[in-house]
């Protein structure tokens, strides 16, 4: 059973990693969530791919944004992205990263090493995730919380034998 925090007065510094270039349900979810968090007094930074719908939409809603090359497979650009992401985490004093796709999840994990930042994996896809070593490692050891969009996805995640996770 998920815990719900109510009447919290602590404002957090949150990074929303939206590395999807188009308008989709998960993109809309991430942007609306960022807007609502900001309205509740949290400091929210939306990071995404340069010149894409999510960043334009976030900016139009008055959210602070930054662009990162989150979907690169080039090893040099990947290393540069991780370094830049780490600089952002430090300069904005980020306390929580919400990753809306798996690429952002592991980049957030690598950039946040030894920074004591909570990492949330929001999964909007209803298709079941593969129960393999990499996914079990990712969800059992690298992330702190998981947000799922469907009962099908939730049932599949319980097969991962998640340890001490809020779902």
Foldseek 3Di string as FASTA:
>chain_A
DFDDDPPDPDAFEEEEEDADQADDPLLVVSLVVQLVSVVSPHQYEYEYAPPGDSVVVSVVSVHHYDYAPLPDPPVVSLVVRLQVVLVVCVVSVHQEYEYADVSVLVSVQSSCPPVNHAYEYEYEDLDEDDQDPVVLCSQAPRHAEYHYDDPSNVVNVVVSVHDNYRD
